[in-house]
């Protein structure tokens, strides 16, 4: 009877020690180990039935299981505490870095970019940058300029037309799903042929978007005295498919020609510090090109839908000393910096301090002549169409 009371007392004392959390040391203490070994070695007379014996073994098993569970839980508690300590010990710059890279998966917009390369023979290409697996990627690209017009896409395509004395390299616009008119068909309607002089006519795309196209024309004549005439002008995309009649700035602005500049038809659109701006020649009487000046007008959405950047140009210059241009999406989820011959694609503006999510190498003398943003369902729609049309 006394041994039974002692056993029950020791079991109760052991339970009390196990209930203290956490243990003072990992594993069994020397005192606890000796007490368990003593209990195991004791030979208690079998005065109980076999059911009582089984019960004793069950009690011992319960005690061992309790010890094991407690030790495991104690180790887990230690690991959790260590993890919490390490997390709170992160330096502020490390946390900012993780936040920047973690939020890079928020790309939702697409950008259709047209590029002109002035190295040797002038050439053009179009890129469409859009999310792919939650990261920005060039999902379609091809030669020429593919421009969205209304709910469709049009191509601005170069044509070559020659006569006995003349050579004309010019542009024509047409729906991308249709074939362009042949140069020998439209050429005679656009250019008069004078057998007494030799003419070389070339054109360059300065801007394309929405409804308008800006071009630079250079024409050299051998008529005595020989001359080279340069002209910049703007017309609508459909007009470039036929008569190619220039439009005045007043027509584009839907304003009466109250200002002298509004009556101009020798004007064009170009990039300047992250914005599309209207420009004209400083000398209206000159036909030889040269210096240009910016016109103090706000271009309407018929010219360009979205023309806002996230930061001031001085801020961009301090972060990217070699920056020449910048584009920000309407949804503020994509920011592209043109710097040092690269298009650097970032997420939101607060990620400009990190590494770009995508870098696109430009050719030596490439400049941007088109930048059209796609949002909502147009992002995937443009991805499908540009993949089909850009080869």
Protein backbone atom coordinates (compact mmCIF):
# COMPACT_ATOMS: atom_id res chain seq x y z
CA UNK A 1 0.00 0.00 0.00
CA UNK A 2 2.83 2.42 0.85
CA UNK A 3 4.56 1.76 -2.46
CA UNK A 4 1.33 2.45 -4.27
CA UNK A 5 0.96 5.79 -2.45
CA UNK A 6 4.60 6.67 -3.20
CA UNK A 7 4.12 5.79 -6.88
CA UNK A 8 1.02 7.92 -7.14
CA UNK A 9 2.80 10.80 -5.37
CA UNK A 10 5.79 10.62 -7.73
CA UNK A 11 3.49 10.48 -10.75
CA UNK A 12 1.69 13.59 -9.56
CA UNK A 13 5.01 15.35 -8.94
CA UNK A 14 6.24 14.37 -12.42
CA UNK A 15 3.07 15.79 -13.99
CA UNK A 16 3.60 19.06 -12.14
CA UNK A 17 7.13 19.34 -13.50
CA UNK A 18 5.94 18.59 -17.03
CA UNK A 19 3.30 21.29 -16.77
CA UNK A 20 5.97 23.99 -16.35
CA UNK A 21 6.75 25.61 -19.78
CA UNK A 22 9.26 25.67 -21.14
CA UNK A 23 11.58 23.02 -19.61
CA UNK A 24 14.59 24.43 -17.93
CA UNK A 25 16.84 22.35 -20.16
CA UNK A 26 16.53 20.26 -23.28
CA UNK A 27 15.83 16.53 -22.56
CA UNK A 28 15.69 14.84 -19.12
CA UNK A 29 17.47 16.22 -16.07
CA UNK A 30 19.83 13.89 -14.15
CA UNK A 31 17.42 13.74 -11.21
CA UNK A 32 14.43 12.91 -13.43
CA UNK A 33 16.39 10.23 -15.29
CA UNK A 34 17.46 8.51 -12.03
CA UNK A 35 13.90 8.52 -10.74
CA UNK A 36 12.57 6.95 -13.93
CA UNK A 37 15.31 4.26 -13.90
CA UNK A 38 14.56 3.48 -10.22
CA UNK A 39 10.85 3.08 -11.00
CA UNK A 40 11.65 0.78 -13.92
CA UNK A 41 13.98 -1.43 -11.79
CA UNK A 42 11.56 -1.76 -8.87
CA UNK A 43 9.85 -5.14 -8.52
CA UNK A 44 6.40 -4.63 -7.13
CA UNK A 45 4.63 -7.80 -6.00
CA UNK A 46 1.90 -8.78 -8.33
CA UNK A 47 -1.04 -8.43 -5.94
CA UNK A 48 -3.34 -7.13 -8.69
CA UNK A 49 -5.09 -8.88 -11.51
CA UNK A 50 -3.71 -8.78 -15.06
CA UNK A 51 -6.06 -5.90 -15.83
CA UNK A 52 -4.32 -3.76 -13.21
CA UNK A 53 -0.94 -4.61 -14.74
CA UNK A 54 -2.11 -3.50 -18.17
CA UNK A 55 -3.38 -0.29 -16.64
CA UNK A 56 0.04 0.38 -15.13
CA UNK A 57 1.73 -0.06 -18.48
CA UNK A 58 -0.82 2.28 -20.08
CA UNK A 59 -0.12 4.90 -17.43
CA UNK A 60 3.60 4.66 -18.10
CA UNK A 61 2.98 4.99 -21.84
CA UNK A 62 0.88 8.09 -21.26
CA UNK A 63 3.65 9.65 -19.19
CA UNK A 64 6.32 8.93 -21.84
CA UNK A 65 4.04 10.30 -24.58
CA UNK A 66 3.42 13.45 -22.56
CA UNK A 67 7.16 13.96 -22.13
CA UNK A 68 7.74 13.49 -25.86
CA UNK A 69 4.96 15.89 -26.87
CA UNK A 70 6.18 18.49 -24.44
CA UNK A 71 9.75 18.27 -25.71
CA UNK A 72 8.59 18.57 -29.33
CA UNK A 73 6.35 21.51 -28.54
CA UNK A 74 9.14 23.12 -26.60
CA UNK A 75 11.47 22.79 -29.60
CA UNK A 76 8.81 24.22 -31.94
CA UNK A 77 8.29 27.14 -29.57
CA UNK A 78 12.03 27.77 -29.63
CA UNK A 79 12.07 27.71 -33.47
CA UNK A 80 9.08 30.05 -33.71
CA UNK A 81 10.72 32.47 -31.30
CA UNK A 82 13.95 32.32 -33.32
CA UNK A 83 12.08 32.97 -36.58
CA UNK A 84 10.26 35.94 -35.10
CA UNK A 85 13.57 37.31 -33.86
CA UNK A 86 15.18 36.98 -37.28
CA UNK A 87 12.19 38.61 -39.01
CA UNK A 88 12.14 41.61 -36.76
CA UNK A 89 15.91 41.91 -37.15
CA UNK A 90 15.63 42.68 -40.93
CA UNK A 91 17.18 46.00 -41.78
CA UNK A 92 14.91 48.68 -43.35
CA UNK A 93 16.71 48.53 -46.71
CA UNK A 94 16.26 44.75 -46.83
CA UNK A 95 12.55 45.08 -46.14
CA UNK A 96 12.22 47.70 -48.87
CA UNK A 97 14.06 45.43 -51.30
CA UNK A 98 11.72 42.51 -50.62
CA UNK A 99 8.72 44.79 -50.95
CA UNK A 100 9.92 46.13 -54.31
CA UNK A 101 10.49 42.70 -55.78
CA UNK A 102 7.33 41.30 -54.26
CA UNK A 103 5.18 43.99 -55.85
CA UNK A 104 6.72 43.49 -59.29
CA UNK A 105 3.92 40.99 -59.99
CA UNK A 106 1.38 43.77 -60.51
CA UNK A 107 1.83 44.39 -64.25
CA UNK A 108 -1.52 44.77 -66.01
CA UNK A 109 -0.96 47.26 -68.88
CA UNK A 110 0.55 46.87 -72.33
CA UNK A 111 2.60 49.30 -74.43
CA UNK A 112 2.88 49.29 -78.22
CA UNK A 113 6.13 51.04 -79.21
CA UNK A 114 7.20 52.15 -82.68
CA UNK A 115 10.91 52.72 -83.30
CA UNK A 116 12.80 54.43 -86.12
CA UNK A 117 16.43 53.52 -86.78
CA UNK A 118 18.45 56.20 -88.63
CA UNK A 119 21.62 54.12 -88.98
CA UNK A 120 22.46 53.97 -92.71
CA UNK A 121 19.17 53.10 -94.41
CA UNK A 122 16.25 54.20 -92.24
CA UNK A 123 14.19 51.29 -90.91
CA UNK A 124 11.30 50.80 -88.51
CA UNK A 125 10.06 48.17 -86.08
CA UNK A 126 7.17 47.75 -83.64
CA UNK A 127 7.29 46.06 -80.21
CA UNK A 128 4.40 45.14 -77.94
CA UNK A 129 5.30 44.89 -74.24
CA UNK A 130 2.68 43.19 -72.08
CA UNK A 131 2.40 40.90 -69.03
CA UNK A 132 3.29 37.25 -69.51
CA UNK A 133 3.12 35.06 -66.39
CA UNK A 134 2.77 38.23 -64.32
CA UNK A 135 6.01 39.68 -65.71
CA UNK A 136 6.53 42.18 -68.57
CA UNK A 137 7.75 40.66 -71.84
CA UNK A 138 8.02 41.49 -75.53
CA UNK A 139 5.06 39.40 -76.64
CA UNK A 140 5.17 40.50 -80.29
CA UNK A 141 7.56 42.35 -82.58
CA UNK A 142 8.11 42.91 -86.27
CA UNK A 143 9.31 45.31 -88.94
CA UNK A 144 7.40 48.45 -89.93
CA UNK A 145 4.97 50.56 -87.92
CA UNK A 146 1.74 48.92 -86.76
CA UNK A 147 -0.57 51.57 -85.32
CA UNK A 148 -3.98 51.17 -83.61
CA UNK A 149 -6.66 53.14 -85.41
CA UNK A 150 -10.24 53.14 -84.06
CA UNK A 151 -10.86 49.48 -83.15
CA UNK A 152 -8.48 48.08 -85.76
CA UNK A 153 -4.79 48.13 -86.67
CA UNK A 154 -3.24 49.87 -89.67
CA UNK A 155 0.20 49.56 -91.20
CA UNK A 156 2.28 52.54 -92.24
CA UNK A 157 4.24 50.99 -95.04
CA UNK A 158 7.09 52.30 -97.23
CA UNK A 159 6.65 52.22 -101.02
CA UNK A 160 9.13 52.84 -103.80
CA UNK A 161 8.14 54.46 -107.09
CA UNK A 162 10.43 55.36 -110.00
CA UNK A 163 10.14 57.10 -113.34
CA UNK A 164 12.80 57.64 -115.97
CA UNK A 165 14.16 60.64 -114.07
CA UNK A 166 12.68 60.47 -110.57
CA UNK A 167 12.89 58.24 -107.51
CA UNK A 168 10.29 58.45 -104.73
CA UNK A 169 10.42 56.63 -101.39
CA UNK A 170 7.24 57.43 -99.46
CA UNK A 171 4.72 56.04 -96.97
CA UNK A 172 1.21 54.78 -97.38
CA UNK A 173 -1.29 53.67 -94.72
CA UNK A 174 -3.70 50.77 -95.01
CA UNK A 175 -5.65 48.36 -92.76
CA UNK A 176 -3.22 45.72 -91.51
CA UNK A 177 -5.41 42.86 -92.70
CA UNK A 178 -5.45 44.21 -96.27
CA UNK A 179 -2.78 44.54 -98.91
CA UNK A 180 -1.27 47.93 -99.64
CA UNK A 181 -1.98 49.63 -102.94
CA UNK A 182 0.82 49.16 -105.45
CA UNK A 183 3.35 51.98 -105.82
CA UNK A 184 2.94 52.12 -109.60
CA UNK A 185 -0.79 52.67 -109.12
CA UNK A 186 -0.72 55.46 -106.54
CA UNK A 187 2.68 56.97 -107.41
CA UNK A 188 1.56 58.88 -110.56
CA UNK A 189 -1.36 60.42 -108.62
CA UNK A 190 0.92 61.74 -105.87
CA UNK A 191 4.00 62.92 -107.75
CA UNK A 192 4.19 64.92 -110.96
CA UNK A 193 6.88 63.83 -113.38
CA UNK A 194 8.92 66.50 -115.16
CA UNK A 195 11.31 64.88 -117.67
CA UNK A 196 13.50 67.99 -117.60
CA UNK A 197 14.54 67.50 -113.99
CA UNK A 198 15.67 64.68 -111.78
CA UNK A 199 13.99 64.43 -108.37
CA UNK A 200 14.90 62.30 -105.36
CA UNK A 201 12.11 62.22 -102.77
CA UNK A 202 12.47 60.58 -99.33
CA UNK A 203 10.30 60.52 -96.20
CA UNK A 204 10.74 59.82 -92.51
CA UNK A 205 8.10 59.03 -89.87
CA UNK A 206 8.30 61.40 -86.89
CA UNK A 207 5.15 60.38 -85.03
CA UNK A 208 2.23 57.95 -85.31
CA UNK A 209 -0.70 57.35 -82.94
CA UNK A 210 -4.48 57.35 -82.71
CA UNK A 211 -5.56 59.34 -85.77
CA UNK A 212 -2.47 61.24 -86.93
CA UNK A 213 0.93 60.74 -88.54
CA UNK A 214 3.76 63.28 -88.71
CA UNK A 215 6.33 63.04 -91.49
CA UNK A 216 9.51 64.73 -92.64
CA UNK A 217 9.97 65.06 -96.40
CA UNK A 218 13.25 65.76 -98.17
CA UNK A 219 13.26 66.42 -101.89
CA UNK A 220 16.34 67.10 -103.98
CA UNK A 221 16.02 68.48 -107.52
CA UNK A 222 18.62 68.82 -110.26
CA UNK A 223 16.81 71.79 -111.75
CA UNK A 224 19.26 74.67 -112.14
CA UNK A 225 20.02 75.85 -109.57
CA UNK A 226 19.77 72.53 -107.73
CA UNK A 227 17.99 72.59 -104.39
CA UNK A 228 16.94 70.45 -101.44
CA UNK A 229 13.61 71.16 -99.84
CA UNK A 230 12.75 69.86 -96.35
CA UNK A 231 9.24 69.88 -95.02
CA UNK A 232 7.52 68.61 -91.88
CA UNK A 233 3.81 67.98 -91.94
CA UNK A 234 0.99 66.08 -90.26
CA UNK A 235 -1.98 64.26 -91.72
CA UNK A 236 -4.58 61.71 -90.66
CA UNK A 237 -3.97 57.98 -90.95
CA UNK A 238 -6.74 57.50 -93.56
CA UNK A 239 -5.47 60.50 -95.57
CA UNK A 240 -2.06 58.84 -95.75
CA UNK A 241 -3.81 56.08 -97.71
CA UNK A 242 -4.86 58.39 -100.53
CA UNK A 243 -4.26 62.10 -101.19
CA UNK A 244 -2.00 62.65 -98.16
CA UNK A 245 -3.31 66.15 -97.58
CA UNK A 246 -1.70 67.97 -94.60
CA UNK A 247 -3.89 69.18 -91.73
CA UNK A 248 -3.38 72.47 -89.94
CA UNK A 249 -2.81 72.71 -86.21
CA UNK A 250 -6.13 74.54 -85.90
CA UNK A 251 -7.97 71.57 -87.45
CA UNK A 252 -6.39 69.20 -84.94
CA UNK A 253 -7.15 71.47 -82.00
CA UNK A 254 -10.71 72.06 -83.28
CA UNK A 255 -10.09 75.75 -82.80
CA UNK A 256 -10.59 78.76 -85.02
CA UNK A 257 -7.37 80.10 -86.51
CA UNK A 258 -7.18 83.00 -84.09
CA UNK A 259 -3.50 82.45 -83.54
CA UNK A 260 -1.09 82.56 -86.41
CA UNK A 261 0.37 79.19 -85.40
CA UNK A 262 -3.03 77.50 -85.77
CA UNK A 263 -2.99 78.12 -89.52
CA UNK A 264 0.24 76.21 -89.95
CA UNK A 265 0.27 73.00 -91.95
CA UNK A 266 4.04 72.58 -91.56
CA UNK A 267 4.08 71.27 -88.02
CA UNK A 268 4.76 67.90 -86.44
CA UNK A 269 4.64 65.94 -83.18
CA UNK A 270 7.75 64.67 -81.43
CA UNK A 271 9.07 63.66 -77.99
CA UNK A 272 10.51 66.11 -75.49
CA UNK A 273 11.35 65.12 -71.89
CA UNK A 274 8.72 62.43 -71.60
CA UNK A 275 5.93 64.28 -73.45
CA UNK A 276 4.53 64.53 -76.97
CA UNK A 277 4.79 68.13 -78.11
CA UNK A 278 3.92 70.13 -81.24
CA UNK A 279 6.84 71.67 -83.11
CA UNK A 280 7.32 73.92 -86.13
CA UNK A 281 10.18 75.59 -87.97
CA UNK A 282 11.59 78.78 -86.48
CA UNK A 283 11.61 80.36 -89.96
CA UNK A 284 8.26 79.96 -91.71
CA UNK A 285 9.69 81.22 -94.99
CA UNK A 286 12.42 78.57 -94.99
CA UNK A 287 11.98 75.27 -96.78
CA UNK A 288 15.36 73.87 -95.84
CA UNK A 289 14.48 72.59 -92.36
CA UNK A 290 16.92 73.61 -89.65
CA UNK A 291 15.87 74.91 -86.27
CA UNK A 292 12.49 74.17 -84.73
CA UNK A 293 10.53 75.65 -81.87
CA UNK A 294 7.96 74.12 -79.56
CA UNK A 295 4.40 75.38 -79.81
CA UNK A 296 2.61 76.28 -76.59
CA UNK A 297 -0.44 74.07 -77.10
CA UNK A 298 -1.96 71.09 -75.31
CA UNK A 299 -2.37 68.22 -77.77
CA UNK A 300 -5.86 66.67 -77.60
CA UNK A 301 -6.68 63.01 -77.02
CA UNK A 302 -7.28 62.56 -80.75
CA UNK A 303 -3.51 62.93 -81.08
CA UNK A 304 -2.44 60.92 -78.04
CA UNK A 305 -4.65 59.25 -75.43
CA UNK A 306 -2.31 59.23 -72.44
CA UNK A 307 0.66 61.57 -72.09
CA UNK A 308 1.47 61.78 -68.39
CA UNK A 309 4.64 60.68 -66.61
CA UNK A 310 4.92 59.71 -62.98
CA UNK A 311 7.76 62.04 -62.00
CA UNK A 312 9.33 65.34 -62.88
CA UNK A 313 12.04 65.25 -65.50
CA UNK A 314 14.61 66.49 -62.98
CA UNK A 315 13.79 63.52 -60.73
CA UNK A 316 14.25 61.14 -63.64
CA UNK A 317 17.52 62.80 -64.57
CA UNK A 318 18.90 62.43 -61.05
CA UNK A 319 18.03 58.71 -60.98
CA UNK A 320 18.99 58.00 -64.62
CA UNK A 321 21.63 60.51 -65.81
CA UNK A 322 21.56 58.98 -69.31
CA UNK A 323 17.76 59.15 -69.69
CA UNK A 324 16.40 60.55 -72.95
CA UNK A 325 12.73 59.60 -72.57
CA UNK A 326 10.18 58.06 -70.23
CA UNK A 327 6.69 56.53 -70.37
CA UNK A 328 4.20 55.87 -67.55
CA UNK A 329 1.05 53.78 -67.89
CA UNK A 330 -2.43 55.18 -67.12
CA UNK A 331 -2.81 52.52 -64.41
CA UNK A 332 0.55 53.47 -62.87
CA UNK A 333 1.64 49.83 -63.01
CA UNK A 334 4.38 50.13 -65.65
CA UNK A 335 7.14 52.70 -66.01
CA UNK A 336 9.60 52.61 -68.92
CA UNK A 337 12.79 54.63 -69.03
CA UNK A 338 14.80 55.10 -72.22
CA UNK A 339 18.38 55.43 -70.99
CA UNK A 340 21.81 54.61 -72.37
CA UNK A 341 20.51 52.70 -75.36
CA UNK A 342 18.10 50.55 -73.30
CA UNK A 343 14.38 50.48 -72.61
CA UNK A 344 14.21 49.74 -68.88
CA UNK A 345 10.83 48.39 -67.79
CA UNK A 346 9.84 48.87 -64.15
CA UNK A 347 6.60 48.41 -62.26
CA UNK A 348 5.09 51.28 -60.29
CA UNK A 349 7.17 54.47 -59.86
CA UNK A 350 8.35 53.47 -56.37
CA UNK A 351 10.26 50.59 -57.98
CA UNK A 352 12.54 52.87 -59.99
CA UNK A 353 15.18 52.50 -57.30
CA UNK A 354 15.55 48.76 -57.94
CA UNK A 355 16.46 46.58 -60.88
CA UNK A 356 14.24 46.68 -64.01
CA UNK A 357 11.85 43.78 -64.53
CA UNK A 358 12.76 43.81 -68.24
CA UNK A 359 15.55 45.41 -70.30
CA UNK A 360 15.32 45.85 -74.07
CA UNK A 361 18.43 46.81 -76.01
CA UNK A 362 17.91 49.46 -78.67
CA UNK A 363 19.89 49.83 -81.85
CA UNK A 364 22.49 52.58 -82.06
CA UNK A 365 20.29 55.30 -83.61
CA UNK A 366 16.79 54.20 -82.65
CA UNK A 367 14.23 56.71 -81.44
CA UNK A 368 10.62 56.28 -80.33
CA UNK A 369 8.00 57.52 -82.82
CA UNK A 370 4.96 55.79 -81.31
CA UNK A 371 3.85 54.82 -77.80
CA UNK A 372 0.29 53.57 -77.34
CA UNK A 373 -0.97 52.17 -74.04
CA UNK A 374 -3.43 49.28 -73.73
CA UNK A 375 -5.48 48.70 -70.58
CA UNK A 376 -8.26 46.37 -69.40
CA UNK A 377 -9.35 43.80 -72.01
CA UNK A 378 -7.35 45.53 -74.75
CA UNK A 379 -4.11 44.22 -73.20
CA UNK A 380 -4.84 40.60 -74.16
CA UNK A 381 -6.69 41.60 -77.33
CA UNK A 382 -3.68 43.53 -78.60
CA UNK A 383 -1.37 40.67 -77.62
CA UNK A 384 -3.35 38.32 -79.84
CA UNK A 385 -3.64 40.71 -82.77
CA UNK A 386 -0.04 41.95 -82.72
CA UNK A 387 1.21 38.35 -82.57
CA UNK A 388 -0.72 37.69 -85.78
CA UNK A 389 0.19 40.93 -87.56
CA UNK A 390 3.83 41.44 -86.53
CA UNK A 391 6.11 38.87 -88.14
